Amino acid sequence: MSDSEPGRWFEDFRVGERFTSAPRTVTETDLLDFTRLSGDDHPIHSGPDAILQGPFGIAVALGLLQSLGLHGSAVQGLLDTRWTYRRPIRVGDTLRLALTVIRCRRTASGTRGVVGRHMALVDAEGQVVQEGTTTALLSARGAGPDPMARAFGTVAWGEALVQRLGSDFAESTATWDGTIGLRAGIDEVHLRVYRGSVIEVTGRAPHGPTFTMEADEITWTELVDAERNDFMRYAMTGRIASRGNGYEYLRLTSTLAMIVDAARRLAEEES
């Protein structure tokens, strides 16, 4: 593949990029064709209030993804898809795809990279009817290095994060001895803290973390890109969760907000 071919290479994607497709209106023909193709002729899929089969939504989402022109011959395959059904789809609904890049990781060989996308199928009122994540394997131009300011949960990201923690973090942990885990999707980094200082950043602490703050990759992406630090709102609504010692997690809530502030500064520097 050459640079002149359509589509993108691995290095052309950046975590936090957002794309919106053109609209697509669901027709009676869509319902009839998908019923015939799937063989799912349950009564709920017929009549004036018919609901489209659930998999119809992901089929439309993948078609709208293709229409964005992001996929060229650099794409070597779709690795996985995780999908959730939020609201029914009916004939006459107008749908768009809202896509956010949430993960860019190079493979061990260095010649390819994995790009994760959060995809939301949105109706004309802006309501999410279906959403999920897809991961694609793409060819890479070179061997890196790659940006790490949005490589949430990795050791490189953790080390850069620590460099941006200020005196307020030192004061809030001045008497604390423990390990904070930060998890984003499948990646987790541990910050070993002793009396106000982070003395080690590692992928796995010897005795495990005291507690782990965890969120999916779209939540981390939104946290660093929002106009303000929404850590508390996300924690209260369950988008941020914890594992381990719940008491210590609650006791260090303000400290975690400082960590999110540092993550936001780091992401802004890369923009």
C-alpha atoms as a PDB file:
ATOM      1  CA  MET A   1       0.000   0.000   0.000  1.00  0.00           C
ATOM      2  CA  SER A   2       1.232   3.515  -0.803  1.00  0.00           C
ATOM      3  CA  ASP A   3       0.456   6.877   0.823  1.00  0.00           C
ATOM      4  CA  SER A   4      -1.585   7.807  -2.272  1.00  0.00           C
ATOM      5  CA  GLU A   5      -4.146   5.051  -1.685  1.00  0.00           C
ATOM      6  CA  PRO A   6      -7.406   5.978   0.103  1.00  0.00           C
ATOM      7  CA  GLY A   7      -7.890   5.245   3.777  1.00  0.00           C
ATOM      8  CA  ARG A   8      -5.596   5.659   6.744  1.00  0.00           C
ATOM      9  CA  TRP A   9      -2.546   3.951   8.168  1.00  0.00           C
ATOM     10  CA  PHE A  10      -2.175   3.200  11.869  1.00  0.00           C
ATOM     11  CA  GLU A  11      -0.213   6.411  12.522  1.00  0.00           C
ATOM     12  CA  ASP A  12      -2.980   8.535  10.990  1.00  0.00           C
ATOM     13  CA  PHE A  13      -5.325   7.863  13.898  1.00  0.00           C
ATOM     14  CA  ARG A  14      -5.301   9.750  17.204  1.00  0.00           C
ATOM     15  CA  VAL A  15      -7.193   8.923  20.375  1.00  0.00           C
ATOM     16  CA  GLY A  16      -9.959  11.486  20.772  1.00  0.00           C
ATOM     17  CA  GLU A  17     -10.629  11.995  17.055  1.00  0.00           C
ATOM     18  CA  ARG A  18     -14.348  12.181  16.325  1.00  0.00           C
ATOM     19  CA  PHE A  19     -16.295  11.578  13.142  1.00  0.00           C
ATOM     20  CA  THR A  20     -19.999  11.792  12.258  1.00  0.00           C
ATOM     21  CA  SER A  21     -21.553  10.088   9.257  1.00  0.00           C
ATOM     22  CA  ALA A  22     -24.233  11.320   6.906  1.00  0.00           C
ATOM     23  CA  PRO A  23     -27.800  10.358   7.916  1.00  0.00           C
ATOM     24  CA  ARG A  24     -29.502   7.136   6.854  1.00  0.00           C
ATOM     25  CA  THR A  25     -33.277   6.697   7.080  1.00  0.00           C
ATOM     26  CA  VAL A  26     -34.677   3.241   7.816  1.00  0.00           C
ATOM     27  CA  THR A  27     -37.200   2.075   5.205  1.00  0.00           C
ATOM     28  CA  GLU A  28     -39.886  -0.588   4.952  1.00  0.00           C
ATOM     29  CA  THR A  29     -37.655  -2.312   2.407  1.00  0.00           C
ATOM     30  CA  ASP A  30     -34.879  -2.463   5.011  1.00  0.00           C
ATOM     31  CA  LEU A  31     -37.219  -4.272   7.382  1.00  0.00           C
ATOM     32  CA  LEU A  32     -38.429  -6.741   4.754  1.00  0.00           C
ATOM     33  CA  ASP A  33     -34.932  -7.450   3.415  1.00  0.00           C
ATOM     34  CA  PHE A  34     -33.375  -7.930   6.843  1.00  0.00           C
ATOM     35  CA  THR A  35     -36.223 -10.195   7.931  1.00  0.00           C
ATOM     36  CA  ARG A  36     -35.688 -12.335   4.845  1.00  0.00           C
ATOM     37  CA  LEU A  37     -31.898 -12.349   5.227  1.00  0.00           C
ATOM     38  CA  SER A  38     -31.858 -13.151   8.957  1.00  0.00           C
ATOM     39  CA  GLY A  39     -34.850 -15.473   9.005  1.00  0.00           C
ATOM     40  CA  ASP A  40     -36.047 -13.707  12.170  1.00  0.00           C
ATOM     41  CA  ASP A  41     -39.749 -13.254  11.409  1.00  0.00           C
ATOM     42  CA  HIS A  42     -40.968 -12.898  14.990  1.00  0.00           C
ATOM     43  CA  PRO A  43     -44.280 -10.949  15.150  1.00  0.00           C
ATOM     44  CA  ILE A  44     -42.503  -8.012  16.802  1.00  0.00           C
ATOM     45  CA  HIS A  45     -40.877  -7.370  13.411  1.00  0.00           C
ATOM     46  CA  SER A  46     -44.152  -6.901  11.544  1.00  0.00           C
ATOM     47  CA  GLY A  47     -47.145  -4.577  11.625  1.00  0.00           C
ATOM     48  CA  PRO A  48     -47.415  -0.788  11.996  1.00  0.00           C
ATOM     49  CA  ASP A  49     -45.265  -0.695  15.155  1.00  0.00           C
ATOM     50  CA  ALA A  50     -42.643  -3.143  13.895  1.00  0.00           C
ATOM     51  CA  ILE A  51     -39.214  -3.044  15.491  1.00  0.00           C
ATOM     52  CA  LEU A  52     -36.142  -3.830  13.393  1.00  0.00           C
ATOM     53  CA  GLN A  53     -34.080  -6.828  14.444  1.00  0.00           C
ATOM     54  CA  GLY A  54     -31.299  -5.863  16.859  1.00  0.00           C
ATOM     55  CA  PRO A  55     -28.409  -6.864  14.554  1.00  0.00           C
ATOM     56  CA  PHE A  56     -29.794  -4.529  11.887  1.00  0.00           C
ATOM     57  CA  GLY A  57     -28.350  -1.644  13.897  1.00  0.00           C
ATOM     58  CA  ILE A  58     -24.788  -2.917  13.957  1.00  0.00           C
ATOM     59  CA  ALA A  59     -25.010  -3.733  10.244  1.00  0.00           C
ATOM     60  CA  VAL A  60     -26.035  -0.125   9.567  1.00  0.00           C
ATOM     61  CA  ALA A  61     -23.313   1.184  11.900  1.00  0.00           C
ATOM     62  CA  LEU A  62     -20.610  -0.748  10.047  1.00  0.00           C
ATOM     63  CA  GLY A  63     -21.956   0.486   6.719  1.00  0.00           C
ATOM     64  CA  LEU A  64     -21.900   4.087   7.947  1.00  0.00           C
ATOM     65  CA  LEU A  65     -18.358   3.494   9.226  1.00  0.00           C
ATOM     66  CA  GLN A  66     -17.315   2.442   5.733  1.00  0.00           C
ATOM     67  CA  SER A  67     -18.963   5.556   4.290  1.00  0.00           C
ATOM     68  CA  LEU A  68     -16.635   7.757   6.369  1.00  0.00           C
ATOM     69  CA  GLY A  69     -13.750   6.720   4.111  1.00  0.00           C
ATOM     70  CA  LEU A  70     -11.417   5.810   6.980  1.00  0.00           C
ATOM     71  CA  HIS A  71     -10.879   2.250   5.803  1.00  0.00           C
ATOM     72  CA  GLY A  72      -8.483   1.545   2.971  1.00  0.00           C
ATOM     73  CA  SER A  73      -6.172  -1.335   2.127  1.00  0.00           C
ATOM     74  CA  ALA A  74      -4.209  -0.695   5.346  1.00  0.00           C
ATOM     75  CA  VAL A  75      -6.994  -2.422   7.273  1.00  0.00           C
ATOM     76  CA  GLN A  76      -6.018  -6.062   7.774  1.00  0.00           C
ATOM     77  CA  GLY A  77      -9.063  -7.190   9.712  1.00  0.00           C
ATOM     78  CA  LEU A  78     -11.701  -6.556  12.360  1.00  0.00           C
ATOM     79  CA  LEU A  79     -10.537  -8.044  15.673  1.00  0.00           C
ATOM     80  CA  ASP A  80     -13.619  -7.776  17.860  1.00  0.00           C
ATOM     81  CA  THR A  81     -16.935  -6.049  18.338  1.00  0.00           C
ATOM     82  CA  ARG A  82     -18.856  -5.434  21.571  1.00  0.00           C
ATOM     83  CA  TRP A  83     -22.353  -4.070  21.206  1.00  0.00           C
ATOM     84  CA  THR A  84     -25.262  -2.879  23.355  1.00  0.00           C
ATOM     85  CA  TYR A  85     -28.891  -2.280  22.350  1.00  0.00           C
ATOM     86  CA  ARG A  86     -30.333   0.860  23.988  1.00  0.00           C
ATOM     87  CA  ARG A  87     -33.548   1.718  22.125  1.00  0.00           C
ATOM     88  CA  PRO A  88     -35.671   0.106  19.405  1.00  0.00           C
ATOM     89  CA  ILE A  89     -35.184   1.020  15.742  1.00  0.00           C
ATOM     90  CA  ARG A  90     -38.315   1.468  13.615  1.00  0.00           C
ATOM     91  CA  VAL A  91     -39.118   2.243  10.007  1.00  0.00           C
ATOM     92  CA  GLY A  92     -38.801   5.991   9.447  1.00  0.00           C
ATOM     93  CA  ASP A  93     -36.002   6.523  11.994  1.00  0.00           C
ATOM     94  CA  THR A  94     -33.061   8.581  10.749  1.00  0.00           C
ATOM     95  CA  LEU A  95     -29.725   7.363  12.064  1.00  0.00           C
ATOM     96  CA  ARG A  96     -26.181   8.704  12.134  1.00  0.00           C
ATOM     97  CA  LEU A  97     -22.944   7.132  13.323  1.00  0.00           C
ATOM     98  CA  ALA A  98     -20.912   9.066  15.905  1.00  0.00           C
ATOM     99  CA  LEU A  99     -17.429   7.540  16.067  1.00  0.00           C
ATOM    100  CA  THR A 100     -14.637   8.297  18.549  1.00  0.00           C
ATOM    101  CA  VAL A 101     -11.145   6.803  18.371  1.00  0.00           C
ATOM    102  CA  ILE A 102     -10.421   5.427  21.859  1.00  0.00           C
ATOM    103  CA  ARG A 103      -7.305   3.281  21.484  1.00  0.00           C
ATOM    104  CA  CYS A 104      -4.136   3.239  19.353  1.00  0.00           C
ATOM    105  CA  ARG A 105      -1.564   0.558  20.228  1.00  0.00           C
ATOM    106  CA  ARG A 106       1.257  -0.757  18.082  1.00  0.00           C
ATOM    107  CA  THR A 107       1.744  -4.518  17.947  1.00  0.00           C
ATOM    108  CA  ALA A 108       4.950  -6.153  19.187  1.00  0.00           C
ATOM    109  CA  SER A 109       6.228  -6.542  15.614  1.00  0.00           C
ATOM    110  CA  GLY A 110       6.003  -2.773  15.072  1.00  0.00           C
ATOM    111  CA  THR A 111       4.643  -3.213  11.551  1.00  0.00           C
ATOM    112  CA  ARG A 112       0.976  -3.044  12.520  1.00  0.00           C
ATOM    113  CA  GLY A 113      -1.246  -1.305  15.022  1.00  0.00           C
ATOM    114  CA  VAL A 114      -4.587  -1.806  16.746  1.00  0.00           C
ATOM    115  CA  VAL A 115      -7.144   1.003  16.574  1.00  0.00           C
ATOM    116  CA  GLY A 116     -10.204   0.887  18.831  1.00  0.00           C
ATOM    117  CA  ARG A 117     -13.336   2.878  18.025  1.00  0.00           C
ATOM    118  CA  HIS A 118     -16.363   3.706  20.140  1.00  0.00           C
ATOM    119  CA  MET A 119     -19.385   3.760  17.831  1.00  0.00           C
ATOM    120  CA  ALA A 120     -22.771   5.200  18.720  1.00  0.00           C
ATOM    121  CA  LEU A 121     -25.800   4.922  16.447  1.00  0.00           C
ATOM    122  CA  VAL A 122     -27.772   8.098  17.129  1.00  0.00           C
ATOM    123  CA  ASP A 123     -31.325   9.010  16.079  1.00  0.00           C
ATOM    124  CA  ALA A 124     -32.640  12.372  14.880  1.00  0.00           C
ATOM    125  CA  GLU A 125     -33.255  13.512  18.488  1.00  0.00           C
ATOM    126  CA  GLY A 126     -29.676  12.749  19.462  1.00  0.00           C
ATOM    127  CA  GLN A 127     -30.571   9.652  21.473  1.00  0.00           C
ATOM    128  CA  VAL A 128     -28.204   6.702  21.338  1.00  0.00           C
ATOM    129  CA  VAL A 129     -30.130   3.679  20.075  1.00  0.00           C
ATOM    130  CA  GLN A 130     -27.192   1.279  19.915  1.00  0.00           C
ATOM    131  CA  GLU A 131     -23.516   1.596  20.797  1.00  0.00           C
ATOM    132  CA  GLY A 132     -20.367  -0.396  21.285  1.00  0.00           C
ATOM    133  CA  THR A 133     -16.726  -0.761  20.356  1.00  0.00           C
ATOM    134  CA  THR A 134     -14.923  -2.241  17.380  1.00  0.00           C
ATOM    135  CA  THR A 135     -11.210  -2.907  17.015  1.00  0.00           C
ATOM    136  CA  ALA A 136      -9.330  -3.050  13.722  1.00  0.00           C
ATOM    137  CA  LEU A 137      -5.814  -4.165  12.823  1.00  0.00           C
ATOM    138  CA  LEU A 138      -4.013  -1.768  10.462  1.00  0.00           C
ATOM    139  CA  SER A 139      -0.685  -1.635   8.670  1.00  0.00           C
ATOM    140  CA  ALA A 140       1.826   0.890  10.016  1.00  0.00           C
ATOM    141  CA  ARG A 141       4.241   3.082   8.087  1.00  0.00           C
ATOM    142  CA  GLY A 142       7.142   2.650  10.493  1.00  0.00           C
ATOM    143  CA  ALA A 143       8.156   1.366  13.902  1.00  0.00           C
ATOM    144  CA  GLY A 144       7.268   4.394  16.012  1.00  0.00           C
ATOM    145  CA  PRO A 145       7.689   5.892  18.563  1.00  0.00           C
ATOM    146  CA  ASP A 146       4.013   6.659  19.131  1.00  0.00           C
ATOM    147  CA  PRO A 147       2.292   9.398  21.169  1.00  0.00           C
ATOM    148  CA  MET A 148       1.702   8.296  24.767  1.00  0.00           C
ATOM    149  CA  ALA A 149      -0.339  11.192  26.224  1.00  0.00           C
ATOM    150  CA  ARG A 150      -3.574   9.278  25.526  1.00  0.00           C
ATOM    151  CA  ALA A 151      -2.248   5.749  25.938  1.00  0.00           C
ATOM    152  CA  PHE A 152      -4.354   5.445  29.088  1.00  0.00           C
ATOM    153  CA  GLY A 153      -3.367   2.742  31.555  1.00  0.00           C
ATOM    154  CA  THR A 154       0.104   2.097  30.133  1.00  0.00           C
ATOM    155  CA  VAL A 155       3.377   2.510  32.018  1.00  0.00           C
ATOM    156  CA  ALA A 156       4.596   5.211  29.605  1.00  0.00           C
ATOM    157  CA  TRP A 157       1.406   7.186  30.206  1.00  0.00           C
ATOM    158  CA  GLY A 158       1.712   6.689  33.964  1.00  0.00           C
ATOM    159  CA  GLU A 159       5.300   7.944  33.992  1.00  0.00           C
ATOM    160  CA  ALA A 160       4.333  11.055  32.034  1.00  0.00           C
ATOM    161  CA  LEU A 161       1.349  11.565  34.330  1.00  0.00           C
ATOM    162  CA  VAL A 162       3.503  11.507  37.461  1.00  0.00           C
ATOM    163  CA  GLN A 163       5.718  14.271  36.062  1.00  0.00           C
ATOM    164  CA  ARG A 164       2.667  16.543  35.921  1.00  0.00           C
ATOM    165  CA  LEU A 165       1.439  15.973  39.466  1.00  0.00           C
ATOM    166  CA  GLY A 166       1.920  19.088  41.563  1.00  0.00           C
ATOM    167  CA  SER A 167       2.442  20.039  45.174  1.00  0.00           C
ATOM    168  CA  ASP A 168      -1.265  19.545  45.908  1.00  0.00           C
ATOM    169  CA  PHE A 169      -0.842  15.833  45.176  1.00  0.00           C
ATOM    170  CA  ALA A 170       2.172  15.674  47.506  1.00  0.00           C
ATOM    171  CA  GLU A 171       0.183  17.376  50.261  1.00  0.00           C
ATOM    172  CA  SER A 172      -2.852  15.129  49.848  1.00  0.00           C
ATOM    173  CA  THR A 173      -0.728  11.954  50.132  1.00  0.00           C
ATOM    174  CA  ALA A 174       1.833  13.272  52.651  1.00  0.00           C
ATOM    175  CA  THR A 175       0.925  10.602  55.226  1.00  0.00           C
ATOM    176  CA  TRP A 176      -0.214   7.887  52.819  1.00  0.00           C
ATOM    177  CA  ASP A 177       1.563   4.661  51.945  1.00  0.00           C
ATOM    178  CA  GLY A 178      -0.024   2.531  49.243  1.00  0.00           C
ATOM    179  CA  THR A 179      -0.521   1.843  45.540  1.00  0.00           C
ATOM    180  CA  ILE A 180      -3.062   3.466  43.239  1.00  0.00           C
ATOM    181  CA  GLY A 181      -4.150   1.477  40.201  1.00  0.00           C
ATOM    182  CA  LEU A 182      -5.432   3.301  37.119  1.00  0.00           C
ATOM    183  CA  ARG A 183      -7.281   1.091  34.644  1.00  0.00           C
ATOM    184  CA  ALA A 184      -8.498   1.962  31.138  1.00  0.00           C
ATOM    185  CA  GLY A 185     -10.160  -0.928  29.368  1.00  0.00           C
ATOM    186  CA  ILE A 186      -7.695  -3.824  29.480  1.00  0.00           C
ATOM    187  CA  ASP A 187      -4.665  -1.696  30.451  1.00  0.00           C
ATOM    188  CA  GLU A 188      -3.710  -0.956  34.052  1.00  0.00           C
ATOM    189  CA  VAL A 189      -0.790   0.956  35.570  1.00  0.00           C
ATOM    190  CA  HIS A 190       0.145   1.135  39.257  1.00  0.00           C
ATOM    191  CA  LEU A 191       1.502   4.213  41.064  1.00  0.00           C
ATOM    192  CA  ARG A 192       3.412   3.260  44.211  1.00  0.00           C
ATOM    193  CA  VAL A 193       3.023   6.201  46.603  1.00  0.00           C
ATOM    194  CA  TYR A 194       5.003   6.775  49.774  1.00  0.00           C
ATOM    195  CA  ARG A 195       4.499   9.887  51.898  1.00  0.00           C
ATOM    196  CA  GLY A 196       3.760  12.358  49.148  1.00  0.00           C
ATOM    197  CA  SER A 197       5.932  10.909  46.391  1.00  0.00           C
ATOM    198  CA  VAL A 198       5.364   8.391  43.627  1.00  0.00           C
ATOM    199  CA  ILE A 199       8.353   6.089  44.057  1.00  0.00           C
ATOM    200  CA  GLU A 200       7.509   3.612  41.310  1.00  0.00           C
ATOM    201  CA  VAL A 201       5.352   3.335  38.199  1.00  0.00           C
ATOM    202  CA  THR A 202       4.761  -0.232  37.096  1.00  0.00           C
ATOM    203  CA  GLY A 203       2.373  -2.456  35.222  1.00  0.00           C
ATOM    204  CA  ARG A 204       2.084  -4.765  38.219  1.00  0.00           C
ATOM    205  CA  ALA A 205       2.876  -3.857  41.832  1.00  0.00           C
ATOM    206  CA  PRO A 206       4.412  -6.710  43.896  1.00  0.00           C
ATOM    207  CA  HIS A 207       1.503  -6.817  46.362  1.00  0.00           C
ATOM    208  CA  GLY A 208      -1.146  -5.448  44.031  1.00  0.00           C
ATOM    209  CA  PRO A 209      -2.822  -2.035  44.279  1.00  0.00           C
ATOM    210  CA  THR A 210      -4.484  -0.722  47.424  1.00  0.00           C
ATOM    211  CA  PHE A 211      -7.372   0.161  45.136  1.00  0.00           C
ATOM    212  CA  THR A 212      -7.912   0.647  41.424  1.00  0.00           C
ATOM    213  CA  MET A 213      -9.814   3.453  39.747  1.00  0.00           C
ATOM    214  CA  GLU A 214     -11.223   2.001  36.539  1.00  0.00           C
ATOM    215  CA  ALA A 215     -13.168   3.238  33.540  1.00  0.00           C
ATOM    216  CA  ASP A 216     -13.582   2.253  29.921  1.00  0.00           C
ATOM    217  CA  GLU A 217     -11.554   3.993  27.232  1.00  0.00           C
ATOM    218  CA  ILE A 218     -14.356   6.252  25.991  1.00  0.00           C
ATOM    219  CA  THR A 219     -14.771   7.584  29.549  1.00  0.00           C
ATOM    220  CA  TRP A 220     -11.043   8.387  29.839  1.00  0.00           C
ATOM    221  CA  THR A 221     -11.177  10.056  26.424  1.00  0.00           C
ATOM    222  CA  GLU A 222     -14.127  12.204  27.450  1.00  0.00           C
ATOM    223  CA  LEU A 223     -12.502  13.020  30.803  1.00  0.00           C
ATOM    224  CA  VAL A 224      -9.391  14.516  29.200  1.00  0.00           C
ATOM    225  CA  ASP A 225     -11.282  16.330  26.418  1.00  0.00           C
ATOM    226  CA  ALA A 226     -14.141  17.870  28.415  1.00  0.00           C
ATOM    227  CA  GLU A 227     -14.199  21.593  29.180  1.00  0.00           C
ATOM    228  CA  ARG A 228     -13.911  20.819  32.899  1.00  0.00           C
ATOM    229  CA  ASN A 229     -12.820  17.962  35.143  1.00  0.00           C
ATOM    230  CA  ASP A 230     -15.921  15.738  35.360  1.00  0.00           C
ATOM    231  CA  PHE A 231     -14.335  13.099  37.607  1.00  0.00           C
ATOM    232  CA  MET A 232     -16.882  13.506  40.408  1.00  0.00           C
ATOM    233  CA  ARG A 233     -19.904  13.394  38.090  1.00  0.00           C
ATOM    234  CA  TYR A 234     -18.622  10.281  36.347  1.00  0.00           C
ATOM    235  CA  ALA A 235     -17.874   8.634  39.685  1.00  0.00           C
ATOM    236  CA  MET A 236     -21.355   9.431  41.020  1.00  0.00           C
ATOM    237  CA  THR A 237     -23.055   8.031  37.892  1.00  0.00           C
ATOM    238  CA  GLY A 238     -21.003   4.828  37.833  1.00  0.00           C
ATOM    239  CA  ARG A 239     -18.899   5.541  34.767  1.00  0.00           C
ATOM    240  CA  ILE A 240     -15.863   5.448  37.047  1.00  0.00           C
ATOM    241  CA  ALA A 241     -15.675   2.529  39.463  1.00  0.00           C
ATOM    242  CA  SER A 242     -13.216   1.121  41.980  1.00  0.00           C
ATOM    243  CA  ARG A 243     -11.813  -2.248  43.014  1.00  0.00           C
ATOM    244  CA  GLY A 244      -9.957  -3.057  46.197  1.00  0.00           C
ATOM    245  CA  ASN A 245     -10.032  -1.032  49.399  1.00  0.00           C
ATOM    246  CA  GLY A 246     -13.171   1.083  49.093  1.00  0.00           C
ATOM    247  CA  TYR A 247     -12.389   3.118  52.199  1.00  0.00           C
ATOM    248  CA  GLU A 248      -9.021   4.254  50.834  1.00  0.00           C
ATOM    249  CA  TYR A 249     -10.581   4.988  47.454  1.00  0.00           C
ATOM    250  CA  LEU A 250     -13.140   7.301  49.053  1.00  0.00           C
ATOM    251  CA  ARG A 251     -10.523   8.865  51.313  1.00  0.00           C
ATOM    252  CA  LEU A 252      -8.386   9.763  48.298  1.00  0.00           C
ATOM    253  CA  THR A 253     -11.210  11.081  46.108  1.00  0.00           C
ATOM    254  CA  SER A 254      -9.689  14.553  45.891  1.00  0.00           C
ATOM    255  CA  THR A 255      -6.307  13.005  45.086  1.00  0.00           C
ATOM    256  CA  LEU A 256      -7.846  11.074  42.196  1.00  0.00           C
ATOM    257  CA  ALA A 257      -9.356  14.289  40.873  1.00  0.00           C
ATOM    258  CA  MET A 258      -5.815  15.730  40.879  1.00  0.00           C
ATOM    259  CA  ILE A 259      -4.619  12.737  38.869  1.00  0.00           C
ATOM    260  CA  VAL A 260      -7.367  13.365  36.320  1.00  0.00           C
ATOM    261  CA  ASP A 261      -6.272  17.024  36.166  1.00  0.00           C
ATOM    262  CA  ALA A 262      -2.740  15.843  35.377  1.00  0.00           C
ATOM    263  CA  ALA A 263      -4.100  13.513  32.672  1.00  0.00           C
ATOM    264  CA  ARG A 264      -5.998  16.440  31.161  1.00  0.00           C
ATOM    265  CA  ARG A 265      -2.857  18.615  31.116  1.00  0.00           C
ATOM    266  CA  LEU A 266      -0.881  15.810  29.509  1.00  0.00           C
ATOM    267  CA  ALA A 267      -3.499  15.290  26.782  1.00  0.00           C
ATOM    268  CA  GLU A 268      -3.705  19.031  26.117  1.00  0.00           C
ATOM    269  CA  GLU A 269       0.061  19.253  25.620  1.00  0.00           C
ATOM    270  CA  GLU A 270      -0.140  16.625  22.865  1.00  0.00           C
ATOM    271  CA  SER A 271      -3.036  18.344  21.052  1.00  0.00           C
END
